[in-house]
Amino acid sequence: MIQRDAAALSRREAYFLLIDSIVPRPVAWVSTVSPAGVPNLAPFSFFTGLSAQPPTLVLSIASRLERGADGARSARAKDTLANLRATGEFIVHTAPKAKHAEVMASSENHPPEVDEAALVGLATVAGTWTSVPRVESLPVAMECRLLDELSVGDPPTTLVVGEVLGWHLDEAVVGDDSRLYSAHWEPLARLGVEGFQD
């Protein structure tokens, strides 16, 4: 049995052990809107449910590291986090395998003024319980309001706690028993070193 003391690991080593150990991870494709009205769409694979009453989920958003002209390192909140902090609203779509290419394209480092959904060719509609645009073609979407957040680590990673205000469900994924059957839409899952689950 190999033992690895977390205190002796580099940040990179700890990251790889964590993402290789916690598998598979569903992909939360999160839409937000900036105070200026610019939509944003980005994927996050540190994501899970937290409570059923009220329905609550959590997602983890790492800060973006930047280096100044003087070489000094600084952390900046990603657009998703900045937007949901400003508006208190977001929508989590559970990404299907069929949208893998679009998920990857939306994960690139785009400027804040870029609408990633439009960039990757996805039509959006207005949210029902929030002012955030929802990707129309995705089978599962949860409109949320920000309940709380907790920052840990270096660079700061923020654990976002959101209350689910309502769901949008494609009829094709809902069974006669009102349960959602993933075999009908094949959710995209992130693995560790292997990348994504096929």
Protein backbone atom coordinates (compact mmCIF):
# COMPACT_ATOMS: atom_id res chain seq x y z
CA MET A 1 0.00 0.00 0.00
CA ILE A 2 1.40 3.39 -1.01
CA GLN A 3 0.89 6.21 1.49
CA ARG A 4 1.09 9.87 0.55
CA ASP A 5 1.24 12.46 3.32
CA ALA A 6 -0.75 15.50 2.14
CA ALA A 7 1.55 17.83 4.08
CA ALA A 8 4.52 16.63 2.00
CA LEU A 9 2.87 17.11 -1.41
CA SER A 10 3.24 20.01 -3.80
CA ARG A 11 0.08 21.82 -4.87
CA ARG A 12 0.28 20.04 -8.27
CA GLU A 13 0.73 16.59 -6.70
CA ALA A 14 -2.19 17.15 -4.31
CA TYR A 15 -4.38 18.39 -7.18
CA PHE A 16 -3.72 15.33 -9.31
CA LEU A 17 -4.31 12.93 -6.42
CA LEU A 18 -7.58 14.68 -5.62
CA ILE A 19 -8.96 14.68 -9.18
CA ASP A 20 -7.76 11.12 -9.77
CA SER A 21 -9.39 9.91 -6.51
CA ILE A 22 -12.80 11.58 -6.80
CA VAL A 23 -14.23 10.01 -9.96
CA PRO A 24 -16.41 10.24 -11.87
CA ARG A 25 -17.41 13.87 -11.30
CA PRO A 26 -20.45 15.37 -13.04
CA VAL A 27 -19.91 18.56 -15.02
CA ALA A 28 -21.86 21.62 -13.90
CA TRP A 29 -22.19 23.95 -16.87
CA VAL A 30 -22.90 27.21 -15.09
CA SER A 31 -24.52 30.26 -16.62
CA THR A 32 -24.39 33.68 -14.99
CA VAL A 33 -24.85 37.24 -16.14
CA SER A 34 -22.68 40.23 -15.28
CA PRO A 35 -24.11 43.43 -13.77
CA ALA A 36 -23.62 44.94 -17.25
CA GLY A 37 -25.85 42.22 -18.74
CA VAL A 38 -23.13 40.07 -20.38
CA PRO A 39 -23.94 36.34 -20.21
CA ASN A 40 -21.27 33.83 -19.17
CA LEU A 41 -21.18 30.04 -19.48
CA ALA A 42 -18.42 27.91 -17.92
CA PRO A 43 -17.97 24.27 -16.77
CA PHE A 44 -16.94 23.10 -13.30
CA SER A 45 -16.37 19.49 -12.27
CA PHE A 46 -16.13 19.97 -8.51
CA PHE A 47 -19.90 19.92 -8.05
CA THR A 48 -22.47 17.97 -6.06
CA GLY A 49 -25.74 18.08 -4.17
CA LEU A 50 -25.79 19.13 -0.52
CA SER A 51 -29.34 19.03 0.87
CA ALA A 52 -32.84 18.08 -0.25
CA GLN A 53 -34.75 20.50 1.99
CA PRO A 54 -34.22 23.11 0.80
CA PRO A 55 -32.79 21.66 -2.42
CA THR A 56 -29.19 22.83 -2.33
CA LEU A 57 -26.05 22.24 -4.38
CA VAL A 58 -22.41 23.21 -4.11
CA LEU A 59 -19.76 23.95 -6.66
CA SER A 60 -16.11 24.82 -6.32
CA ILE A 61 -14.60 27.70 -8.30
CA ALA A 62 -10.81 28.18 -8.23
CA SER A 63 -9.43 31.69 -8.68
CA ARG A 64 -7.47 32.51 -11.80
CA LEU A 65 -3.75 33.10 -11.16
CA GLU A 66 -2.12 36.05 -12.91
CA ARG A 67 1.38 37.49 -12.91
CA GLY A 68 2.02 41.21 -13.10
CA ALA A 69 4.78 42.92 -15.07
CA ASP A 70 6.89 42.78 -11.92
CA GLY A 71 6.39 39.01 -11.69
CA ALA A 72 4.18 39.25 -8.62
CA ARG A 73 1.44 36.63 -8.44
CA SER A 74 -2.16 37.61 -7.80
CA ALA A 75 -5.49 35.76 -7.78
CA ARG A 76 -8.57 37.02 -9.63
CA ALA A 77 -12.10 35.66 -9.31
CA LYS A 78 -13.30 33.92 -12.47
CA ASP A 79 -16.16 35.60 -14.33
CA THR A 80 -18.65 33.03 -13.01
CA LEU A 81 -17.82 33.81 -9.39
CA ALA A 82 -17.68 37.58 -9.93
CA ASN A 83 -21.08 37.49 -11.66
CA LEU A 84 -22.89 35.34 -9.12
CA ARG A 85 -21.47 37.42 -6.28
CA ALA A 86 -22.78 40.56 -7.96
CA THR A 87 -26.24 39.24 -8.86
CA GLY A 88 -26.78 36.39 -6.38
CA GLU A 89 -28.07 34.17 -9.21
CA PHE A 90 -26.85 31.33 -11.43
CA ILE A 91 -28.09 28.33 -13.39
CA VAL A 92 -26.45 24.92 -13.27
CA HIS A 93 -26.95 22.79 -16.36
CA THR A 94 -25.83 19.17 -16.19
CA ALA A 95 -23.88 18.73 -19.40
CA PRO A 96 -24.59 15.73 -21.67
CA LYS A 97 -21.80 13.83 -23.46
CA ALA A 98 -23.16 15.08 -26.78
CA LYS A 99 -22.01 18.62 -25.85
CA HIS A 100 -18.44 17.67 -24.88
CA ALA A 101 -16.85 19.84 -27.60
CA GLU A 102 -18.93 22.86 -26.60
CA VAL A 103 -18.13 22.34 -22.91
CA MET A 104 -14.41 22.32 -23.70
CA ALA A 105 -14.66 25.43 -25.92
CA SER A 106 -16.53 27.33 -23.19
CA SER A 107 -13.85 26.43 -20.63
CA GLU A 108 -11.15 28.44 -22.42
CA ASN A 109 -9.95 31.74 -20.98
CA HIS A 110 -12.34 34.19 -22.68
CA PRO A 111 -12.53 37.91 -21.84
CA PRO A 112 -15.46 38.96 -19.61
CA GLU A 113 -17.26 40.61 -22.53
CA VAL A 114 -17.55 37.32 -24.44
CA ASP A 115 -20.86 35.41 -24.36
CA GLU A 116 -19.63 31.79 -24.37
CA ALA A 117 -23.04 30.29 -25.18
CA ALA A 118 -23.25 32.37 -28.35
CA LEU A 119 -19.59 31.65 -29.10
CA VAL A 120 -20.17 27.87 -29.10
CA GLY A 121 -23.52 28.13 -30.93
CA LEU A 122 -25.98 27.49 -28.08
CA ALA A 123 -29.29 29.37 -27.98
CA THR A 124 -30.47 30.69 -24.62
CA VAL A 125 -33.82 31.70 -23.18
CA ALA A 126 -34.68 33.85 -20.18
CA GLY A 127 -34.64 32.21 -16.78
CA THR A 128 -37.94 31.64 -14.96
CA TRP A 129 -36.88 32.22 -11.34
CA THR A 130 -33.70 34.23 -12.04
CA SER A 131 -32.52 36.90 -14.47
CA VAL A 132 -29.88 34.51 -15.82
CA PRO A 133 -30.10 33.08 -19.37
CA ARG A 134 -30.66 29.32 -19.62
CA VAL A 135 -29.26 27.13 -22.40
CA GLU A 136 -32.41 25.98 -24.15
CA SER A 137 -31.22 22.67 -25.62
CA LEU A 138 -29.82 21.09 -22.45
CA PRO A 139 -31.92 18.37 -20.78
CA VAL A 140 -31.46 19.39 -17.12
CA ALA A 141 -31.10 22.89 -15.69
CA MET A 142 -31.37 24.12 -12.10
CA GLU A 143 -31.97 27.81 -11.43
CA CYS A 144 -30.25 28.84 -8.21
CA ARG A 145 -29.73 31.70 -5.83
CA LEU A 146 -26.53 32.16 -3.86
CA LEU A 147 -26.88 31.14 -0.21
CA ASP A 148 -23.32 31.26 1.03
CA GLU A 149 -19.68 30.88 0.09
CA LEU A 150 -16.47 29.75 1.75
CA SER A 151 -12.95 30.40 0.45
CA VAL A 152 -10.09 27.99 1.18
CA GLY A 153 -6.58 27.35 -0.07
CA ASP A 154 -3.91 29.15 -2.05
CA PRO A 155 -4.82 30.36 -4.58
CA PRO A 156 -8.28 30.90 -3.12
CA THR A 157 -10.90 28.36 -4.15
CA THR A 158 -14.49 29.31 -3.37
CA LEU A 159 -17.13 26.81 -2.35
CA VAL A 160 -20.43 28.23 -3.58
CA VAL A 161 -23.64 27.07 -1.92
CA GLY A 162 -26.77 27.60 -3.99
CA GLU A 163 -30.44 26.96 -3.31
CA VAL A 164 -32.25 25.40 -6.27
CA LEU A 165 -35.32 27.54 -6.98
CA GLY A 166 -36.60 25.32 -9.79
CA TRP A 167 -35.77 22.78 -12.50
CA HIS A 168 -36.14 22.70 -16.28
CA LEU A 169 -36.34 19.10 -17.58
CA ASP A 170 -36.55 17.70 -21.07
CA GLU A 171 -39.56 15.35 -21.14
CA ALA A 172 -37.35 12.68 -22.76
CA VAL A 173 -35.30 12.23 -19.56
CA VAL A 174 -38.29 11.94 -17.19
CA GLY A 175 -39.72 8.46 -16.60
CA ASP A 176 -43.33 7.53 -15.81
CA ASP A 177 -42.33 7.56 -12.14
CA SER A 178 -41.17 11.23 -12.45
CA ARG A 179 -37.54 10.19 -11.91
CA LEU A 180 -34.73 11.35 -14.23
CA TYR A 181 -33.02 8.56 -16.15
CA SER A 182 -29.44 9.41 -17.08
CA ALA A 183 -29.39 6.67 -19.73
CA HIS A 184 -31.74 8.88 -21.76
CA TRP A 185 -29.29 11.79 -21.90
CA GLU A 186 -25.86 10.41 -20.92
CA PRO A 187 -24.39 13.06 -18.64
CA LEU A 188 -20.78 14.06 -19.19
CA ALA A 189 -18.49 12.98 -16.34
CA ARG A 190 -14.94 14.02 -15.59
CA LEU A 191 -12.40 11.39 -14.64
CA GLY A 192 -8.83 11.96 -13.51
CA VAL A 193 -5.90 11.15 -15.77
CA GLU A 194 -8.26 9.54 -18.31
CA GLY A 195 -10.03 12.83 -19.01
CA PHE A 196 -13.77 12.34 -19.59
CA GLN A 197 -15.96 9.26 -19.23
CA ASP A 198 -17.15 7.84 -22.54
